[in-house]
C-alpha cells in the first residue's frame, strides 16, 4: 500500500509541474530596428518593452 501511495503522489506532482503557461513576447531593440520575440535575438539587442501576449507585441 505505501508503494501505491508514493506512486500516486509522484504522478500528481509530475502532472502539476507539466501545466505551464505560454511564454511572453518582448520588444527588442538593435542598432537600427526593433524586433518582437520571446527570447533575445542575440548579442547587442536590448529588451525595451513587454511582456506581450501576442507575437506582434500588441496587447
N, C-alpha and C. Protein backbone atom coordinates (compact mmCIF):
# COMPACT_ATOMS: atom_id res chain seq x y z
N UNK A 1 0.82 -1.21 0.00
CA UNK A 1 0.00 0.00 0.00
C UNK A 1 0.85 1.27 0.00
N UNK A 2 1.93 1.36 0.78
CA UNK A 2 2.75 2.57 0.75
C UNK A 2 3.37 2.84 -0.61
N UNK A 3 3.67 1.79 -1.37
CA UNK A 3 4.25 1.98 -2.71
C UNK A 3 3.23 2.63 -3.64
N UNK A 4 1.99 2.22 -3.54
CA UNK A 4 0.94 2.83 -4.38
C UNK A 4 0.75 4.30 -4.04
N UNK A 5 0.81 4.61 -2.75
CA UNK A 5 0.68 6.00 -2.32
C UNK A 5 1.84 6.84 -2.85
N UNK A 6 3.03 6.31 -2.79
CA UNK A 6 4.20 7.03 -3.29
C UNK A 6 4.10 7.27 -4.79
N UNK A 7 3.66 6.26 -5.52
CA UNK A 7 3.50 6.41 -6.97
C UNK A 7 2.42 7.43 -7.29
N UNK A 8 1.32 7.39 -6.56
CA UNK A 8 0.24 8.36 -6.77
C UNK A 8 0.71 9.78 -6.51
N UNK A 9 1.46 9.99 -5.42
CA UNK A 9 1.98 11.32 -5.12
C UNK A 9 2.97 11.78 -6.18
N UNK A 10 3.79 10.88 -6.67
CA UNK A 10 4.74 11.21 -7.73
C UNK A 10 4.01 11.63 -9.00
N UNK A 11 2.98 10.91 -9.38
CA UNK A 11 2.21 11.25 -10.58
C UNK A 11 1.49 12.59 -10.43
N UNK A 12 0.95 12.86 -9.26
CA UNK A 12 0.28 14.14 -9.02
C UNK A 12 1.28 15.28 -9.10
N UNK A 13 2.45 15.09 -8.53
CA UNK A 13 3.49 16.13 -8.58
C UNK A 13 3.95 16.38 -10.01
N UNK A 14 4.18 15.32 -10.76
CA UNK A 14 4.62 15.48 -12.16
C UNK A 14 3.56 16.15 -13.02
N UNK A 15 2.30 15.81 -12.80
CA UNK A 15 1.25 16.43 -13.60
C UNK A 15 1.09 17.90 -13.25
N UNK A 16 1.32 18.26 -12.01
CA UNK A 16 1.25 19.68 -11.62
C UNK A 16 2.39 20.47 -12.25
N UNK A 17 3.55 19.86 -12.36
CA UNK A 17 4.69 20.54 -12.99
C UNK A 17 4.52 20.67 -14.49
N UNK A 18 3.73 19.81 -15.10
CA UNK A 18 3.56 19.83 -16.55
C UNK A 18 2.65 20.97 -17.02
N UNK A 19 1.88 21.55 -16.14
CA UNK A 19 1.00 22.65 -16.52
C UNK A 19 1.83 23.94 -16.59
N UNK A 20 2.05 24.41 -17.78
CA UNK A 20 2.88 25.59 -17.97
C UNK A 20 2.11 26.65 -18.75
N UNK A 21 2.44 27.88 -18.50
CA UNK A 21 1.83 28.99 -19.23
C UNK A 21 2.68 29.30 -20.47
N UNK A 22 2.07 29.90 -21.49
CA UNK A 22 2.85 30.26 -22.66
C UNK A 22 3.86 31.36 -22.34
N UNK A 23 4.95 31.36 -23.05
CA UNK A 23 5.99 32.36 -22.82
C UNK A 23 5.53 33.71 -23.37
N UNK A 24 5.96 34.76 -22.73
CA UNK A 24 5.61 36.11 -23.16
C UNK A 24 6.54 36.57 -24.28
N UNK A 25 6.08 37.54 -25.05
CA UNK A 25 6.89 38.17 -26.09
C UNK A 25 7.42 39.49 -25.57
N UNK A 26 8.59 39.88 -26.03
CA UNK A 26 9.24 41.11 -25.62
C UNK A 26 9.64 41.90 -26.86
N UNK A 27 9.67 43.21 -26.74
CA UNK A 27 10.13 44.08 -27.83
C UNK A 27 11.61 44.33 -27.62
N UNK A 28 12.41 43.96 -28.60
CA UNK A 28 13.86 44.09 -28.53
C UNK A 28 14.32 45.17 -29.49
N UNK A 29 15.34 45.93 -29.11
CA UNK A 29 15.87 46.99 -29.96
C UNK A 29 17.34 46.72 -30.25
N UNK A 30 17.65 46.79 -31.55
CA UNK A 30 19.04 46.68 -32.00
C UNK A 30 19.55 48.05 -32.39
N UNK A 31 20.59 48.08 -33.20
CA UNK A 31 21.16 49.37 -33.60
C UNK A 31 20.21 50.18 -34.48
N UNK A 32 19.53 49.52 -35.41
CA UNK A 32 18.71 50.27 -36.36
C UNK A 32 17.28 49.75 -36.52
N UNK A 33 16.85 48.79 -35.70
CA UNK A 33 15.48 48.30 -35.82
C UNK A 33 15.01 47.67 -34.51
N UNK A 34 13.70 47.41 -34.44
CA UNK A 34 13.12 46.72 -33.30
C UNK A 34 12.59 45.37 -33.76
N UNK A 35 12.47 44.45 -32.82
CA UNK A 35 12.11 43.08 -33.14
C UNK A 35 11.29 42.51 -32.00
N UNK A 36 10.24 41.75 -32.29
CA UNK A 36 9.40 41.13 -31.28
C UNK A 36 9.73 39.64 -31.21
N UNK A 37 10.13 39.17 -30.02
CA UNK A 37 10.48 37.76 -29.86
C UNK A 37 10.34 37.34 -28.40
N UNK A 38 10.31 36.02 -28.18
CA UNK A 38 10.22 35.50 -26.82
C UNK A 38 11.58 35.48 -26.14
N UNK A 39 12.63 35.33 -26.90
CA UNK A 39 13.98 35.30 -26.36
C UNK A 39 14.84 36.32 -27.09
N UNK A 40 15.98 36.61 -26.54
CA UNK A 40 16.88 37.59 -27.15
C UNK A 40 17.33 37.14 -28.54
N UNK A 41 17.28 38.04 -29.54
CA UNK A 41 17.75 37.69 -30.88
C UNK A 41 19.27 37.53 -30.95
N UNK A 42 19.97 37.94 -29.94
CA UNK A 42 21.43 37.78 -29.93
C UNK A 42 22.12 38.91 -29.21
N UNK A 43 23.42 38.92 -29.34
CA UNK A 43 24.23 39.93 -28.68
C UNK A 43 23.96 41.30 -29.29
N UNK A 44 23.89 42.32 -28.46
CA UNK A 44 23.68 43.67 -28.94
C UNK A 44 22.22 44.12 -28.95
N UNK A 45 21.30 43.24 -28.57
CA UNK A 45 19.89 43.58 -28.51
C UNK A 45 19.50 43.90 -27.08
N UNK A 46 18.64 44.91 -26.91
CA UNK A 46 18.18 45.34 -25.59
C UNK A 46 16.67 45.20 -25.52
N UNK A 47 16.17 44.61 -24.44
CA UNK A 47 14.72 44.49 -24.25
C UNK A 47 14.19 45.84 -23.83
N UNK A 48 13.24 46.40 -24.61
CA UNK A 48 12.76 47.75 -24.32
C UNK A 48 11.31 47.81 -23.85
N UNK A 49 10.52 46.76 -24.10
CA UNK A 49 9.12 46.79 -23.68
C UNK A 49 8.59 45.37 -23.54
N UNK A 50 7.52 45.25 -22.81
CA UNK A 50 6.87 43.96 -22.66
C UNK A 50 6.55 43.71 -21.20
N UNK A 51 5.98 42.62 -20.89
CA UNK A 51 5.69 41.47 -21.73
C UNK A 51 4.38 41.63 -22.51
N UNK A 52 4.33 40.99 -23.65
CA UNK A 52 3.15 40.97 -24.51
C UNK A 52 2.68 39.54 -24.68
N UNK A 53 1.40 39.36 -24.97
CA UNK A 53 0.84 38.03 -25.16
C UNK A 53 0.90 37.62 -26.63
N UNK A 54 0.73 38.57 -27.52
CA UNK A 54 0.71 38.27 -28.96
C UNK A 54 2.10 38.42 -29.58
N UNK A 55 2.31 37.68 -30.66
CA UNK A 55 3.62 37.65 -31.31
C UNK A 55 3.96 38.94 -32.08
N UNK A 56 2.98 39.83 -32.23
CA UNK A 56 3.27 41.11 -32.89
C UNK A 56 3.51 42.22 -31.85
N UNK A 57 3.71 41.81 -30.61
CA UNK A 57 3.97 42.72 -29.48
C UNK A 57 2.84 43.73 -29.29
N UNK A 58 1.60 43.27 -29.40
CA UNK A 58 0.45 44.10 -29.08
C UNK A 58 -0.30 43.45 -27.92
N UNK A 59 -1.10 44.24 -27.26
CA UNK A 59 -1.86 43.72 -26.11
C UNK A 59 -3.12 43.06 -26.53
